[in-house]
PDB file of N, CA and C in Angstrom:
ATOM      1  N   UNK A   1      10.150  14.568   6.054  1.00  0.00           N
ATOM      2  CA  UNK A   1       9.813  14.769   4.670  1.00  0.00           C
ATOM      3  C   UNK A   1       9.687  13.398   4.011  1.00  0.00           C
ATOM      4  N   UNK A   2       8.632  13.210   3.275  1.00  0.00           N
ATOM      5  CA  UNK A   2       8.439  11.923   2.610  1.00  0.00           C
ATOM      6  C   UNK A   2       9.261  11.861   1.331  1.00  0.00           C
ATOM      7  N   UNK A   3       9.639  10.664   0.985  1.00  0.00           N
ATOM      8  CA  UNK A   3      10.379  10.448  -0.257  1.00  0.00           C
ATOM      9  C   UNK A   3       9.418   9.909  -1.290  1.00  0.00           C
ATOM     10  N   UNK A   4       9.500  10.452  -2.469  1.00  0.00           N
ATOM     11  CA  UNK A   4       8.692   9.951  -3.573  1.00  0.00           C
ATOM     12  C   UNK A   4       9.545   8.946  -4.326  1.00  0.00           C
ATOM     13  N   UNK A   5       9.159   7.702  -4.258  1.00  0.00           N
ATOM     14  CA  UNK A   5       9.888   6.662  -4.983  1.00  0.00           C
ATOM     15  C   UNK A   5       9.136   6.337  -6.252  1.00  0.00           C
ATOM     16  N   UNK A   6       9.890   6.215  -7.306  1.00  0.00           N
ATOM     17  CA  UNK A   6       9.288   5.832  -8.578  1.00  0.00           C
ATOM     18  C   UNK A   6       9.521   4.345  -8.794  1.00  0.00           C
ATOM     19  N   UNK A   7       8.536   3.646  -9.329  1.00  0.00           N
ATOM     20  CA  UNK A   7       8.752   2.226  -9.615  1.00  0.00           C
ATOM     21  C   UNK A   7       9.813   2.064 -10.698  1.00  0.00           C
ATOM     22  N   UNK A   8      10.551   0.961 -10.642  1.00  0.00           N
ATOM     23  CA  UNK A   8      11.575   0.689 -11.652  1.00  0.00           C
ATOM     24  C   UNK A   8      10.968   0.612 -13.038  1.00  0.00           C
ATOM     25  N   UNK A   9       9.765   0.103 -13.126  1.00  0.00           N
ATOM     26  CA  UNK A   9       9.053   0.025 -14.395  1.00  0.00           C
ATOM     27  C   UNK A   9       7.961   1.098 -14.347  1.00  0.00           C
ATOM     28  N   UNK A  10       8.144   2.213 -15.069  1.00  0.00           N
ATOM     29  CA  UNK A  10       7.184   3.319 -14.978  1.00  0.00           C
ATOM     30  C   UNK A  10       5.738   2.914 -15.242  1.00  0.00           C
ATOM     31  N   UNK A  11       5.505   1.965 -16.115  1.00  0.00           N
ATOM     32  CA  UNK A  11       4.136   1.541 -16.437  1.00  0.00           C
ATOM     33  C   UNK A  11       3.498   0.713 -15.319  1.00  0.00           C
ATOM     34  N   UNK A  12       4.266   0.385 -14.289  1.00  0.00           N
ATOM     35  CA  UNK A  12       3.747  -0.425 -13.192  1.00  0.00           C
ATOM     36  C   UNK A  12       2.946   0.398 -12.189  1.00  0.00           C
ATOM     37  N   UNK A  13       2.993   1.711 -12.269  1.00  0.00           N
ATOM     38  CA  UNK A  13       2.330   2.579 -11.296  1.00  0.00           C
ATOM     39  C   UNK A  13       0.838   2.251 -11.165  1.00  0.00           C
ATOM     40  N   UNK A  14       0.138   2.079 -12.268  1.00  0.00           N
ATOM     41  CA  UNK A  14      -1.304   1.827 -12.184  1.00  0.00           C
ATOM     42  C   UNK A  14      -1.587   0.487 -11.500  1.00  0.00           C
ATOM     43  N   UNK A  15      -0.766  -0.519 -11.773  1.00  0.00           N
ATOM     44  CA  UNK A  15      -0.943  -1.809 -11.119  1.00  0.00           C
ATOM     45  C   UNK A  15      -0.659  -1.741  -9.629  1.00  0.00           C
ATOM     46  N   UNK A  16       0.373  -0.986  -9.252  1.00  0.00           N
ATOM     47  CA  UNK A  16       0.689  -0.821  -7.832  1.00  0.00           C
ATOM     48  C   UNK A  16      -0.414  -0.045  -7.108  1.00  0.00           C
ATOM     49  N   UNK A  17      -0.949   0.966  -7.773  1.00  0.00           N
ATOM     50  CA  UNK A  17      -2.051   1.724  -7.176  1.00  0.00           C
ATOM     51  C   UNK A  17      -3.276   0.835  -6.985  1.00  0.00           C
ATOM     52  N   UNK A  18      -3.556  -0.004  -7.957  1.00  0.00           N
ATOM     53  CA  UNK A  18      -4.700  -0.918  -7.845  1.00  0.00           C
ATOM     54  C   UNK A  18      -4.486  -1.903  -6.701  1.00  0.00           C
ATOM     55  N   UNK A  19      -3.271  -2.382  -6.546  1.00  0.00           N
ATOM     56  CA  UNK A  19      -2.953  -3.312  -5.459  1.00  0.00           C
ATOM     57  C   UNK A  19      -3.100  -2.622  -4.106  1.00  0.00           C
ATOM     58  N   UNK A  20      -2.633  -1.382  -4.014  1.00  0.00           N
ATOM     59  CA  UNK A  20      -2.766  -0.615  -2.768  1.00  0.00           C
ATOM     60  C   UNK A  20      -4.237  -0.456  -2.390  1.00  0.00           C
ATOM     61  N   UNK A  21      -5.071  -0.123  -3.373  1.00  0.00           N
ATOM     62  CA  UNK A  21      -6.505   0.030  -3.114  1.00  0.00           C
ATOM     63  C   UNK A  21      -7.118  -1.296  -2.684  1.00  0.00           C
ATOM     64  N   UNK A  22      -6.685  -2.379  -3.311  1.00  0.00           N
ATOM     65  CA  UNK A  22      -7.204  -3.709  -2.963  1.00  0.00           C
ATOM     66  C   UNK A  22      -6.835  -4.073  -1.534  1.00  0.00           C
ATOM     67  N   UNK A  23      -5.593  -3.819  -1.150  1.00  0.00           N
ATOM     68  CA  UNK A  23      -5.132  -4.154   0.201  1.00  0.00           C
ATOM     69  C   UNK A  23      -5.892  -3.341   1.246  1.00  0.00           C
ATOM     70  N   UNK A  24      -6.137  -2.064   0.959  1.00  0.00           N
ATOM     71  CA  UNK A  24      -6.842  -1.200   1.905  1.00  0.00           C
ATOM     72  C   UNK A  24      -8.356  -1.334   1.793  1.00  0.00           C
ATOM     73  N   UNK A  25      -8.816  -2.087   0.809  1.00  0.00           N
ATOM     74  CA  UNK A  25     -10.241  -2.321   0.565  1.00  0.00           C
ATOM     75  C   UNK A  25     -10.997  -1.017   0.314  1.00  0.00           C
ATOM     76  N   UNK A  26     -10.420  -0.205  -0.592  1.00  0.00           N
ATOM     77  CA  UNK A  26     -11.058   1.043  -1.030  1.00  0.00           C
ATOM     78  C   UNK A  26     -11.053   1.083  -2.550  1.00  0.00           C
ATOM     79  N   UNK A  27     -11.872   1.936  -3.124  1.00  0.00           N
ATOM     80  CA  UNK A  27     -11.934   2.051  -4.584  1.00  0.00           C
ATOM     81  C   UNK A  27     -10.837   2.961  -5.123  1.00  0.00           C
ATOM     82  N   UNK A  28     -10.480   4.007  -4.371  1.00  0.00           N
ATOM     83  CA  UNK A  28      -9.510   5.004  -4.809  1.00  0.00           C
ATOM     84  C   UNK A  28      -8.192   4.796  -4.064  1.00  0.00           C
ATOM     85  N   UNK A  29      -7.086   4.518  -4.779  1.00  0.00           N
ATOM     86  CA  UNK A  29      -5.810   4.293  -4.098  1.00  0.00           C
ATOM     87  C   UNK A  29      -5.338   5.492  -3.282  1.00  0.00           C
ATOM     88  N   UNK A  30      -5.789   6.691  -3.635  1.00  0.00           N
ATOM     89  CA  UNK A  30      -5.407   7.875  -2.863  1.00  0.00           C
ATOM     90  C   UNK A  30      -6.069   7.901  -1.489  1.00  0.00           C
ATOM     91  N   UNK A  31      -7.125   7.141  -1.313  1.00  0.00           N
ATOM     92  CA  UNK A  31      -7.813   7.066  -0.032  1.00  0.00           C
ATOM     93  C   UNK A  31      -7.261   5.956   0.859  1.00  0.00           C
ATOM     94  N   UNK A  32      -6.382   5.113   0.328  1.00  0.00           N
ATOM     95  CA  UNK A  32      -5.890   3.943   1.056  1.00  0.00           C
ATOM     96  C   UNK A  32      -5.252   4.309   2.384  1.00  0.00           C
ATOM     97  N   UNK A  33      -4.354   5.285   2.381  1.00  0.00           N
ATOM     98  CA  UNK A  33      -3.660   5.621   3.627  1.00  0.00           C
ATOM     99  C   UNK A  33      -4.617   6.202   4.667  1.00  0.00           C
ATOM    100  N   UNK A  34      -5.652   6.894   4.218  1.00  0.00           N
ATOM    101  CA  UNK A  34      -6.619   7.447   5.167  1.00  0.00           C
ATOM    102  C   UNK A  34      -7.478   6.349   5.781  1.00  0.00           C
ATOM    103  N   UNK A  35      -7.810   5.340   4.988  1.00  0.00           N
ATOM    104  CA  UNK A  35      -8.570   4.206   5.497  1.00  0.00           C
ATOM    105  C   UNK A  35      -7.758   3.439   6.538  1.00  0.00           C
ATOM    106  N   UNK A  36      -6.486   3.199   6.228  1.00  0.00           N
ATOM    107  CA  UNK A  36      -5.607   2.485   7.169  1.00  0.00           C
ATOM    108  C   UNK A  36      -5.426   3.316   8.433  1.00  0.00           C
ATOM    109  N   UNK A  37      -5.221   4.617   8.279  1.00  0.00           N
ATOM    110  CA  UNK A  37      -5.049   5.494   9.442  1.00  0.00           C
ATOM    111  C   UNK A  37      -6.282   5.447  10.341  1.00  0.00           C
ATOM    112  N   UNK A  38      -7.451   5.442   9.740  1.00  0.00           N
ATOM    113  CA  UNK A  38      -8.689   5.376  10.520  1.00  0.00           C
ATOM    114  C   UNK A  38      -8.769   4.057  11.281  1.00  0.00           C
ATOM    115  N   UNK A  39      -8.411   2.947  10.624  1.00  0.00           N
ATOM    116  CA  UNK A  39      -8.426   1.637  11.293  1.00  0.00           C
ATOM    117  C   UNK A  39      -7.471   1.600  12.478  1.00  0.00           C
ATOM    118  N   UNK A  40      -6.331   2.294  12.344  1.00  0.00           N
ATOM    119  CA  UNK A  40      -5.314   2.300  13.398  1.00  0.00           C
ATOM    120  C   UNK A  40      -5.526   3.423  14.415  1.00  0.00           C
ATOM    121  N   UNK A  41      -6.573   4.214  14.225  1.00  0.00           N
ATOM    122  CA  UNK A  41      -6.869   5.360  15.090  1.00  0.00           C
ATOM    123  C   UNK A  41      -5.721   6.367  15.110  1.00  0.00           C
ATOM    124  N   UNK A  42      -5.177   6.627  13.920  1.00  0.00           N
ATOM    125  CA  UNK A  42      -4.115   7.618  13.747  1.00  0.00           C
ATOM    126  C   UNK A  42      -4.751   8.854  13.120  1.00  0.00           C
ATOM    127  N   UNK A  43      -4.525  10.043  13.695  1.00  0.00           N
ATOM    128  CA  UNK A  43      -5.186  11.257  13.200  1.00  0.00           C
ATOM    129  C   UNK A  43      -4.539  11.826  11.935  1.00  0.00           C
ATOM    130  N   UNK A  44      -4.669  11.130  10.836  1.00  0.00           N
ATOM    131  CA  UNK A  44      -4.117  11.582   9.555  1.00  0.00           C
ATOM    132  C   UNK A  44      -5.130  12.498   8.878  1.00  0.00           C
ATOM    133  N   UNK A  45      -4.641  13.640   8.374  1.00  0.00           N
ATOM    134  CA  UNK A  45      -5.506  14.607   7.715  1.00  0.00           C
ATOM    135  C   UNK A  45      -5.023  14.823   6.295  1.00  0.00           C
ATOM    136  N   UNK A  46      -5.892  15.356   5.446  1.00  0.00           N
ATOM    137  CA  UNK A  46      -5.464  15.773   4.115  1.00  0.00           C
ATOM    138  C   UNK A  46      -4.586  16.998   4.300  1.00  0.00           C
ATOM    139  N   UNK A  47      -3.514  17.082   3.524  1.00  0.00           N
ATOM    140  CA  UNK A  47      -2.620  18.231   3.625  1.00  0.00           C
ATOM    141  C   UNK A  47      -1.479  17.965   4.592  1.00  0.00           C
ATOM    142  N   UNK A  48      -1.103  18.972   5.333  1.00  0.00           N
ATOM    143  CA  UNK A  48       0.061  18.916   6.225  1.00  0.00           C
ATOM    144  C   UNK A  48      -0.220  18.056   7.453  1.00  0.00           C
ATOM    145  N   UNK A  49       0.715  17.163   7.772  1.00  0.00           N
ATOM    146  CA  UNK A  49       0.585  16.282   8.939  1.00  0.00           C
ATOM    147  C   UNK A  49       1.834  16.345   9.807  1.00  0.00           C
ATOM    148  N   UNK A  50       2.358  17.540  10.011  1.00  0.00           N
ATOM    149  CA  UNK A  50       3.578  17.714  10.801  1.00  0.00           C
ATOM    150  C   UNK A  50       3.442  17.264  12.241  1.00  0.00           C
ATOM    151  N   UNK A  51       2.225  17.208  12.762  1.00  0.00           N
ATOM    152  CA  UNK A  51       2.000  16.779  14.140  1.00  0.00           C
ATOM    153  C   UNK A  51       2.076  15.266  14.287  1.00  0.00           C
ATOM    154  N   UNK A  52       2.070  14.557  13.178  1.00  0.00           N
ATOM    155  CA  UNK A  52       2.061  13.095  13.200  1.00  0.00           C
ATOM    156  C   UNK A  52       3.431  12.567  13.596  1.00  0.00           C
ATOM    157  N   UNK A  53       3.469  11.649  14.540  1.00  0.00           N
ATOM    158  CA  UNK A  53       4.750  11.090  14.964  1.00  0.00           C
ATOM    159  C   UNK A  53       5.281  10.119  13.904  1.00  0.00           C
ATOM    160  N   UNK A  54       6.580   9.928  13.908  1.00  0.00           N
ATOM    161  CA  UNK A  54       7.192   8.972  12.982  1.00  0.00           C
ATOM    162  C   UNK A  54       6.636   7.581  13.217  1.00  0.00           C
ATOM    163  N   UNK A  55       6.386   7.269  14.452  1.00  0.00           N
ATOM    164  CA  UNK A  55       5.837   5.961  14.807  1.00  0.00           C
ATOM    165  C   UNK A  55       4.486   5.739  14.132  1.00  0.00           C
ATOM    166  N   UNK A  56       3.606   6.726  14.235  1.00  0.00           N
ATOM    167  CA  UNK A  56       2.279   6.584  13.627  1.00  0.00           C
ATOM    168  C   UNK A  56       2.353   6.553  12.105  1.00  0.00           C
ATOM    169  N   UNK A  57       3.203   7.398  11.530  1.00  0.00           N
ATOM    170  CA  UNK A  57       3.362   7.392  10.068  1.00  0.00           C
ATOM    171  C   UNK A  57       3.883   6.033   9.603  1.00  0.00           C
ATOM    172  N   UNK A  58       4.804   5.466  10.357  1.00  0.00           N
ATOM    173  CA  UNK A  58       5.346   4.150  10.032  1.00  0.00           C
ATOM    174  C   UNK A  58       4.317   3.046  10.151  1.00  0.00           C
ATOM    175  N   UNK A  59       3.419   3.187  11.106  1.00  0.00           N
ATOM    176  CA  UNK A  59       2.356   2.190  11.250  1.00  0.00           C
ATOM    177  C   UNK A  59       1.465   2.173  10.019  1.00  0.00           C
ATOM    178  N   UNK A  60       1.157   3.355   9.493  1.00  0.00           N
ATOM    179  CA  UNK A  60       0.311   3.453   8.299  1.00  0.00           C
ATOM    180  C   UNK A  60       1.039   2.846   7.103  1.00  0.00           C
ATOM    181  N   UNK A  61       2.268   3.302   6.870  1.00  0.00           N
ATOM    182  CA  UNK A  61       3.042   2.799   5.730  1.00  0.00           C
ATOM    183  C   UNK A  61       3.349   1.320   5.839  1.00  0.00           C
ATOM    184  N   UNK A  62       3.617   0.870   7.050  1.00  0.00           N
ATOM    185  CA  UNK A  62       3.914  -0.544   7.264  1.00  0.00           C
ATOM    186  C   UNK A  62       2.736  -1.437   6.973  1.00  0.00           C
ATOM    187  N   UNK A  63       1.562  -0.994   7.376  1.00  0.00           N
ATOM    188  CA  UNK A  63       0.354  -1.785   7.127  1.00  0.00           C
ATOM    189  C   UNK A  63       0.086  -1.869   5.618  1.00  0.00           C
ATOM    190  N   UNK A  64       0.215  -0.732   4.936  1.00  0.00           N
ATOM    191  CA  UNK A  64      -0.028  -0.730   3.486  1.00  0.00           C
ATOM    192  C   UNK A  64       1.049  -1.523   2.751  1.00  0.00           C
ATOM    193  N   UNK A  65       2.310  -1.192   3.009  1.00  0.00           N
ATOM    194  CA  UNK A  65       3.415  -1.854   2.310  1.00  0.00           C
ATOM    195  C   UNK A  65       3.478  -3.334   2.615  1.00  0.00           C
ATOM    196  N   UNK A  66       3.299  -3.684   3.877  1.00  0.00           N
ATOM    197  CA  UNK A  66       3.325  -5.090   4.257  1.00  0.00           C
ATOM    198  C   UNK A  66       2.216  -5.880   3.602  1.00  0.00           C
ATOM    199  N   UNK A  67       1.035  -5.283   3.550  1.00  0.00           N
ATOM    200  CA  UNK A  67      -0.092  -5.945   2.892  1.00  0.00           C
ATOM    201  C   UNK A  67       0.150  -6.127   1.402  1.00  0.00           C
ATOM    202  N   UNK A  68       0.773  -5.116   0.796  1.00  0.00           N
ATOM    203  CA  UNK A  68       1.064  -5.214  -0.639  1.00  0.00           C
ATOM    204  C   UNK A  68       2.100  -6.306  -0.910  1.00  0.00           C
ATOM    205  N   UNK A  69       3.114  -6.400  -0.067  1.00  0.00           N
ATOM    206  CA  UNK A  69       4.139  -7.434  -0.252  1.00  0.00           C
ATOM    207  C   UNK A  69       3.528  -8.817  -0.076  1.00  0.00           C
ATOM    208  N   UNK A  70       2.706  -8.990   0.957  1.00  0.00           N
ATOM    209  CA  UNK A  70       2.050 -10.283   1.170  1.00  0.00           C
ATOM    210  C   UNK A  70       1.222 -10.687  -0.046  1.00  0.00           C
ATOM    211  N   UNK A  71       0.494  -9.720  -0.585  1.00  0.00           N
ATOM    212  CA  UNK A  71      -0.355 -10.003  -1.745  1.00  0.00           C
ATOM    213  C   UNK A  71       0.491 -10.357  -2.969  1.00  0.00           C
ATOM    214  N   UNK A  72       1.611  -9.646  -3.170  1.00  0.00           N
ATOM    215  CA  UNK A  72       2.479  -9.951  -4.315  1.00  0.00           C
ATOM    216  C   UNK A  72       3.116 -11.331  -4.179  1.00  0.00           C
ATOM    217  N   UNK A  73       3.495 -11.717  -2.962  1.00  0.00           N
ATOM    218  CA  UNK A  73       4.053 -13.055  -2.742  1.00  0.00           C
ATOM    219  C   UNK A  73       2.990 -14.101  -3.054  1.00  0.00           C
ATOM    220  N   UNK A  74       1.768 -13.856  -2.606  1.00  0.00           N
ATOM    221  CA  UNK A  74       0.663 -14.778  -2.879  1.00  0.00           C
ATOM    222  C   UNK A  74       0.437 -14.915  -4.387  1.00  0.00           C
ATOM    223  N   UNK A  75       0.482 -13.787  -5.100  1.00  0.00           N
ATOM    224  CA  UNK A  75       0.298 -13.811  -6.551  1.00  0.00           C
ATOM    225  C   UNK A  75       1.441 -14.563  -7.231  1.00  0.00           C
ATOM    226  N   UNK A  76       2.660 -14.381  -6.746  1.00  0.00           N
ATOM    227  CA  UNK A  76       3.808 -15.084  -7.310  1.00  0.00           C
ATOM    228  C   UNK A  76       3.711 -16.584  -7.105  1.00  0.00           C
ATOM    229  N   UNK A  77       3.327 -16.985  -5.905  1.00  0.00           N
ATOM    230  CA  UNK A  77       3.147 -18.415  -5.626  1.00  0.00           C
ATOM    231  C   UNK A  77       2.079 -19.017  -6.532  1.00  0.00           C
ATOM    232  N   UNK A  78       0.993 -18.291  -6.688  1.00  0.00           N
ATOM    233  CA  UNK A  78      -0.092 -18.774  -7.545  1.00  0.00           C
ATOM    234  C   UNK A  78       0.390 -18.924  -8.987  1.00  0.00           C
ATOM    235  N   UNK A  79       1.151 -17.948  -9.469  1.00  0.00           N
ATOM    236  CA  UNK A  79       1.668 -18.006 -10.838  1.00  0.00           C
ATOM    237  C   UNK A  79       2.604 -19.197 -11.010  1.00  0.00           C
ATOM    238  N   UNK A  80       3.427 -19.479  -9.998  1.00  0.00           N
ATOM    239  CA  UNK A  80       4.336 -20.624 -10.071  1.00  0.00           C
ATOM    240  C   UNK A  80       3.557 -21.932 -10.080  1.00  0.00           C
ATOM    241  N   UNK A  81       2.517 -22.012  -9.272  1.00  0.00           N
ATOM    242  CA  UNK A  81       1.698 -23.223  -9.251  1.00  0.00           C
ATOM    243  C   UNK A  81       1.000 -23.431 -10.589  1.00  0.00           C
ATOM    244  N   UNK A  82       0.482 -22.356 -11.158  1.00  0.00           N
ATOM    245  CA  UNK A  82      -0.190 -22.456 -12.455  1.00  0.00           C
ATOM    246  C   UNK A  82       0.786 -22.866 -13.540  1.00  0.00           C
ATOM    247  N   UNK A  83       2.011 -22.396 -13.451  1.00  0.00           N
ATOM    248  CA  UNK A  83       3.024 -22.730 -14.456  1.00  0.00           C
ATOM    249  C   UNK A  83       3.373 -24.212 -14.377  1.00  0.00           C
ATOM    250  N   UNK A  84       3.425 -24.758 -13.174  1.00  0.00           N
ATOM    251  CA  UNK A  84       3.759 -26.183 -13.019  1.00  0.00           C
ATOM    252  C   UNK A  84       2.614 -27.096 -13.411  1.00  0.00           C
ATOM    253  N   UNK A  85       1.393 -26.578 -13.373  1.00  0.00           N
ATOM    254  CA  UNK A  85       0.235 -27.397 -13.752  1.00  0.00           C
ATOM    255  C   UNK A  85       0.083 -27.508 -15.264  1.00  0.00           C
ATOM    256  N   UNK A  86       0.663 -26.549 -16.001  1.00  0.00           N
ATOM    257  CA  UNK A  86       0.474 -26.541 -17.454  1.00  0.00           C
ATOM    258  C   UNK A  86       1.674 -27.074 -18.160  1.00  0.00           C
TER     259      UNK A  86
END
């Protein structure tokens, strides 16, 4: 069963969704996991995915989450550099 986590800052949801779409290189954040699954050759379907192994589900989430963290670190570094330049 998946856990629905809410962001600590409720207004951050739209920004996180935009980042997820950017990382997966799709326009719709709801399509991000399907795009990643296709790249990894994981048979993810809309609706119930009880046949999906934990390993494959983790590969999808790991690719998305890891990409989002990398991008946020990059954005943070850039913000720090810009702050030191001004």
